[in-house]
C-alpha atoms as a PDB file:
ATOM      1  CA  MET A   1     -94.642-130.874 -79.422  1.00  0.00           C
ATOM      2  CA  ASN A   2     -94.889-128.600 -76.354  1.00  0.00           C
ATOM      3  CA  ILE A   3     -91.193-129.120 -75.645  1.00  0.00           C
ATOM      4  CA  PHE A   4     -90.366-127.786 -79.124  1.00  0.00           C
ATOM      5  CA  ARG A   5     -92.498-124.715 -78.502  1.00  0.00           C
ATOM      6  CA  LYS A   6     -90.588-124.051 -75.293  1.00  0.00           C
ATOM      7  CA  PHE A   7     -87.277-124.670 -77.018  1.00  0.00           C
ATOM      8  CA  PHE A   8     -87.924-122.431 -79.988  1.00  0.00           C
ATOM      9  CA  GLY A   9     -89.910-119.768 -78.180  1.00  0.00           C
ATOM     10  CA  GLN A  10     -93.192-120.465 -79.904  1.00  0.00           C
ATOM     11  CA  LYS A  11     -96.287-119.758 -77.909  1.00  0.00           C
ATOM     12  CA  ASN A  12     -99.220-122.091 -77.519  1.00  0.00           C
ATOM     13  CA  LYS A  13    -101.545-120.847 -80.245  1.00  0.00           C
ATOM     14  CA  SER A  14    -104.341-123.271 -79.499  1.00  0.00           C
ATOM     15  CA  ASN A  15    -107.420-122.503 -77.485  1.00  0.00           C
ATOM     16  CA  GLU A  16    -106.277-124.742 -74.665  1.00  0.00           C
ATOM     17  CA  PRO A  17    -104.684-123.859 -71.351  1.00  0.00           C
ATOM     18  CA  THR A  18    -100.938-124.206 -71.016  1.00  0.00           C
ATOM     19  CA  GLU A  19     -99.314-126.590 -68.570  1.00  0.00           C
ATOM     20  CA  PRO A  20     -99.500-126.775 -65.687  1.00  0.00           C
ATOM     21  CA  ILE A  21    -103.288-126.721 -65.491  1.00  0.00           C
ATOM     22  CA  TYR A  22    -103.007-126.865 -61.700  1.00  0.00           C
ATOM     23  CA  PRO A  23    -100.116-124.732 -60.430  1.00  0.00           C
ATOM     24  CA  GLY A  24     -99.602-126.633 -57.159  1.00  0.00           C
ATOM     25  CA  GLU A  25    -100.412-125.641 -53.601  1.00  0.00           C
ATOM     26  CA  SER A  26     -98.933-123.154 -51.182  1.00  0.00           C
ATOM     27  CA  PHE A  27    -101.601-121.865 -48.831  1.00  0.00           C
ATOM     28  CA  SER A  28    -101.062-118.842 -46.659  1.00  0.00           C
ATOM     29  CA  ILE A  29    -103.308-117.472 -43.936  1.00  0.00           C
ATOM     30  CA  SER A  30    -103.915-113.798 -43.280  1.00  0.00           C
ATOM     31  CA  LYS A  31    -106.090-111.962 -40.827  1.00  0.00           C
ATOM     32  CA  ILE A  32    -108.510-109.528 -42.449  1.00  0.00           C
ATOM     33  CA  THR A  33    -110.718-106.791 -41.022  1.00  0.00           C
ATOM     34  CA  LEU A  34    -114.386-106.984 -41.951  1.00  0.00           C
ATOM     35  CA  GLU A  35    -117.482-104.943 -41.099  1.00  0.00           C
ATOM     36  CA  ASP A  36    -118.689-107.516 -38.571  1.00  0.00           C
ATOM     37  CA  GLY A  37    -115.318-108.345 -36.995  1.00  0.00           C
ATOM     38  CA  TRP A  38    -112.227-110.043 -38.266  1.00  0.00           C
ATOM     39  CA  GLY A  39    -111.763-112.998 -40.535  1.00  0.00           C
ATOM     40  CA  LEU A  40    -109.145-115.438 -41.682  1.00  0.00           C
ATOM     41  CA  ALA A  41    -108.373-115.721 -45.376  1.00  0.00           C
ATOM     42  CA  THR A  42    -106.589-118.858 -46.546  1.00  0.00           C
ATOM     43  CA  PHE A  43    -105.513-118.683 -50.192  1.00  0.00           C
ATOM     44  CA  ASN A  44    -103.293-120.648 -52.540  1.00  0.00           C
ATOM     45  CA  SER A  45    -100.477-118.291 -53.557  1.00  0.00           C
ATOM     46  CA  LYS A  46     -99.534-120.633 -56.420  1.00  0.00           C
ATOM     47  CA  TYR A  47    -102.366-118.910 -58.314  1.00  0.00           C
ATOM     48  CA  ASN A  48    -100.481-115.604 -58.230  1.00  0.00           C
ATOM     49  CA  ASP A  49     -99.957-114.619 -61.879  1.00  0.00           C
ATOM     50  CA  TYR A  50    -101.757-117.773 -63.057  1.00  0.00           C
ATOM     51  CA  GLN A  51    -101.626-117.773 -66.864  1.00  0.00           C
ATOM     52  CA  ASN A  52    -104.796-119.778 -67.562  1.00  0.00           C
ATOM     53  CA  LYS A  53    -107.425-117.553 -65.947  1.00  0.00           C
ATOM     54  CA  LEU A  54    -109.332-117.038 -69.198  1.00  0.00           C
ATOM     55  CA  PHE A  55    -109.857-120.800 -69.536  1.00  0.00           C
ATOM     56  CA  PHE A  56    -111.575-120.958 -66.137  1.00  0.00           C
ATOM     57  CA  PRO A  57    -113.828-117.877 -66.228  1.00  0.00           C
ATOM     58  CA  TRP A  58    -116.631-118.953 -63.903  1.00  0.00           C
ATOM     59  CA  HIS A  59    -116.364-117.917 -60.269  1.00  0.00           C
ATOM     60  CA  VAL A  60    -118.200-120.171 -57.831  1.00  0.00           C
ATOM     61  CA  LEU A  61    -118.806-118.859 -54.327  1.00  0.00           C
ATOM     62  CA  VAL A  62    -120.182-121.198 -51.698  1.00  0.00           C
ATOM     63  CA  GLU A  63    -121.145-119.696 -48.351  1.00  0.00           C
ATOM     64  CA  LEU A  64    -121.612-122.126 -45.457  1.00  0.00           C
ATOM     65  CA  GLU A  65    -123.116-121.300 -42.095  1.00  0.00           C
ATOM     66  CA  ILE A  66    -120.935-121.947 -39.059  1.00  0.00           C
ATOM     67  CA  ILE A  67    -123.079-123.616 -36.417  1.00  0.00           C
ATOM     68  CA  GLU A  68    -120.771-124.414 -33.499  1.00  0.00           C
ATOM     69  CA  LYS A  69    -118.774-121.222 -33.038  1.00  0.00           C
ATOM     70  CA  ASN A  70    -116.672-119.273 -30.584  1.00  0.00           C
ATOM     71  CA  THR A  71    -117.280-115.660 -29.522  1.00  0.00           C
ATOM     72  CA  ASN A  72    -115.730-114.372 -32.781  1.00  0.00           C
ATOM     73  CA  GLY A  73    -118.168-116.447 -34.816  1.00  0.00           C
ATOM     74  CA  HIS A  74    -115.422-118.795 -36.017  1.00  0.00           C
ATOM     75  CA  PRO A  75    -115.903-122.568 -35.839  1.00  0.00           C
ATOM     76  CA  ILE A  76    -114.844-124.557 -32.821  1.00  0.00           C
ATOM     77  CA  ASP A  77    -112.917-127.765 -33.523  1.00  0.00           C
ATOM     78  CA  THR A  78    -115.944-130.033 -33.948  1.00  0.00           C
ATOM     79  CA  ASP A  79    -117.580-127.722 -36.501  1.00  0.00           C
ATOM     80  CA  ALA A  80    -114.249-127.081 -38.241  1.00  0.00           C
ATOM     81  CA  GLU A  81    -114.025-130.836 -38.869  1.00  0.00           C
ATOM     82  CA  LYS A  82    -117.570-130.900 -40.261  1.00  0.00           C
ATOM     83  CA  LEU A  83    -116.813-127.902 -42.489  1.00  0.00           C
ATOM     84  CA  ALA A  84    -113.680-129.618 -43.813  1.00  0.00           C
ATOM     85  CA  MET A  85    -115.714-132.708 -44.721  1.00  0.00           C
ATOM     86  CA  MET A  86    -118.311-130.485 -46.362  1.00  0.00           C
ATOM     87  CA  GLU A  87    -115.591-128.723 -48.384  1.00  0.00           C
ATOM     88  CA  ASN A  88    -114.532-132.138 -49.697  1.00  0.00           C
ATOM     89  CA  GLU A  89    -118.133-132.921 -50.668  1.00  0.00           C
ATOM     90  CA  ILE A  90    -118.489-129.574 -52.451  1.00  0.00           C
ATOM     91  CA  MET A  91    -115.245-130.139 -54.348  1.00  0.00           C
ATOM     92  CA  ALA A  92    -116.382-133.635 -55.362  1.00  0.00           C
ATOM     93  CA  PHE A  93    -119.729-132.224 -56.535  1.00  0.00           C
ATOM     94  CA  LEU A  94    -118.047-129.529 -58.631  1.00  0.00           C
ATOM     95  CA  LYS A  95    -115.406-131.914 -60.023  1.00  0.00           C
ATOM     96  CA  SER A  96    -118.049-134.415 -61.088  1.00  0.00           C
ATOM     97  CA  LYS A  97    -118.766-132.336 -64.204  1.00  0.00           C
ATOM     98  CA  GLN A  98    -116.064-129.710 -64.738  1.00  0.00           C
ATOM     99  CA  THR A  99    -112.451-128.718 -64.122  1.00  0.00           C
ATOM    100  CA  VAL A 100    -112.226-126.994 -60.730  1.00  0.00           C
ATOM    101  CA  HIS A 101    -109.667-124.703 -59.146  1.00  0.00           C
ATOM    102  CA  PHE A 102    -109.963-124.135 -55.407  1.00  0.00           C
ATOM    103  CA  LEU A 103    -108.478-120.722 -54.645  1.00  0.00           C
ATOM    104  CA  GLY A 104    -109.211-120.501 -50.955  1.00  0.00           C
ATOM    105  CA  ARG A 105    -111.584-119.744 -48.124  1.00  0.00           C
ATOM    106  CA  VAL A 106    -112.553-116.877 -45.879  1.00  0.00           C
ATOM    107  CA  THR A 107    -113.768-117.666 -42.378  1.00  0.00           C
ATOM    108  CA  ARG A 108    -115.723-114.798 -40.870  1.00  0.00           C
ATOM    109  CA  ASN A 109    -118.306-114.165 -38.180  1.00  0.00           C
ATOM    110  CA  GLY A 110    -120.775-117.047 -38.610  1.00  0.00           C
ATOM    111  CA  TYR A 111    -119.813-118.059 -42.156  1.00  0.00           C
ATOM    112  CA  ARG A 112    -117.174-119.718 -44.266  1.00  0.00           C
ATOM    113  CA  ASP A 113    -116.846-118.663 -47.902  1.00  0.00           C
ATOM    114  CA  LEU A 114    -115.271-121.079 -50.389  1.00  0.00           C
ATOM    115  CA  LEU A 115    -113.949-119.637 -53.640  1.00  0.00           C
ATOM    116  CA  TYR A 116    -113.521-121.682 -56.808  1.00  0.00           C
ATOM    117  CA  TYR A 117    -113.081-121.144 -60.533  1.00  0.00           C
ATOM    118  CA  ILE A 118    -114.361-123.579 -63.143  1.00  0.00           C
ATOM    119  CA  ASP A 119    -114.187-123.918 -66.911  1.00  0.00           C
ATOM    120  CA  THR A 120    -117.802-124.142 -68.067  1.00  0.00           C
ATOM    121  CA  PRO A 121    -120.824-124.785 -65.856  1.00  0.00           C
ATOM    122  CA  LYS A 122    -122.099-128.222 -66.771  1.00  0.00           C
ATOM    123  CA  PHE A 123    -124.584-128.981 -64.039  1.00  0.00           C
ATOM    124  CA  SER A 124    -128.257-128.117 -64.099  1.00  0.00           C
ATOM    125  CA  GLN A 125    -130.057-125.894 -61.630  1.00  0.00           C
ATOM    126  CA  GLU A 126    -131.902-128.997 -60.472  1.00  0.00           C
ATOM    127  CA  GLU A 127    -128.607-130.745 -59.629  1.00  0.00           C
ATOM    128  CA  VAL A 128    -127.382-127.690 -57.699  1.00  0.00           C
ATOM    129  CA  ASN A 129    -130.681-127.453 -55.824  1.00  0.00           C
ATOM    130  CA  LYS A 130    -130.574-131.136 -54.902  1.00  0.00           C
ATOM    131  CA  PHE A 131    -127.000-130.828 -53.619  1.00  0.00           C
ATOM    132  CA  CYS A 132    -127.799-127.673 -51.624  1.00  0.00           C
ATOM    133  CA  ASP A 133    -130.952-129.262 -50.175  1.00  0.00           C
ATOM    134  CA  THR A 134    -128.803-132.088 -48.815  1.00  0.00           C
ATOM    135  CA  VAL A 135    -126.394-129.616 -47.201  1.00  0.00           C
ATOM    136  CA  MET A 136    -129.307-127.618 -45.778  1.00  0.00           C
ATOM    137  CA  ASN A 137    -130.296-130.645 -43.716  1.00  0.00           C
ATOM    138  CA  GLU A 138    -127.327-129.671 -41.548  1.00  0.00           C
ATOM    139  CA  ARG A 139    -126.650-125.963 -42.160  1.00  0.00           C
ATOM    140  CA  ALA A 140    -127.478-123.002 -44.395  1.00  0.00           C
ATOM    141  CA  ILE A 141    -125.706-122.760 -47.736  1.00  0.00           C
ATOM    142  CA  ASN A 142    -125.628-120.147 -50.479  1.00  0.00           C
ATOM    143  CA  PHE A 143    -124.303-121.236 -53.858  1.00  0.00           C
ATOM    144  CA  GLY A 144    -123.534-118.570 -56.432  1.00  0.00           C
ATOM    145  CA  MET A 145    -121.842-118.523 -59.789  1.00  0.00           C
ATOM    146  CA  GLU A 146    -120.901-115.672 -62.133  1.00  0.00           C
ATOM    147  CA  SER A 147    -118.684-114.999 -65.101  1.00  0.00           C
ATOM    148  CA  ASP A 148    -115.388-113.467 -63.938  1.00  0.00           C
ATOM    149  CA  PRO A 149    -112.741-114.127 -66.625  1.00  0.00           C
ATOM    150  CA  LYS A 150    -110.195-111.785 -65.036  1.00  0.00           C
ATOM    151  CA  TRP A 151    -110.700-113.248 -61.555  1.00  0.00           C
ATOM    152  CA  HIS A 152    -111.643-109.913 -59.975  1.00  0.00           C
ATOM    153  CA  ALA A 153    -113.471-111.664 -57.117  1.00  0.00           C
ATOM    154  CA  VAL A 154    -110.154-112.936 -55.708  1.00  0.00           C
ATOM    155  CA  SER A 155    -107.914-110.034 -56.722  1.00  0.00           C
ATOM    156  CA  GLY A 156    -107.536-108.938 -53.101  1.00  0.00           C
ATOM    157  CA  PHE A 157    -106.056-112.332 -52.223  1.00  0.00           C
ATOM    158  CA  ILE A 158    -103.936-113.261 -55.246  1.00  0.00           C
ATOM    159  CA  LYS A 159    -101.981-111.254 -57.836  1.00  0.00           C
END
């Protein structure tokens, strides 16, 4: 039926996102100036002009402490590997209950911020606390979530 809509110019009138749900990946890195030094922002430009923002209105921000760092506060190779593994664990945790879009990360002096958007929060505060407690055995973590249907939190990184 979707092919007929495309053929005859009819729009998707349902309350469901249009395809593709995931626009693909094309990450770019940019250097940014921050109050406490400089940072690196890595964002998926495939989300530029993403048409399904309203279907994924919850912004999830996860801030991870960088433990093994250089003079700029950015991770050295060993900690970068640990952070990458932790990012995979965070994604798996989020995906266990909802549809997740990973927009990108910002690495700054002493911290890495991970930015996601999800459809509807489906985990309990207890589940989030348990997950964060596990992470805190190794490093500090802040886990925040807020409604952001127009994706303002990432507007400086994507169109």
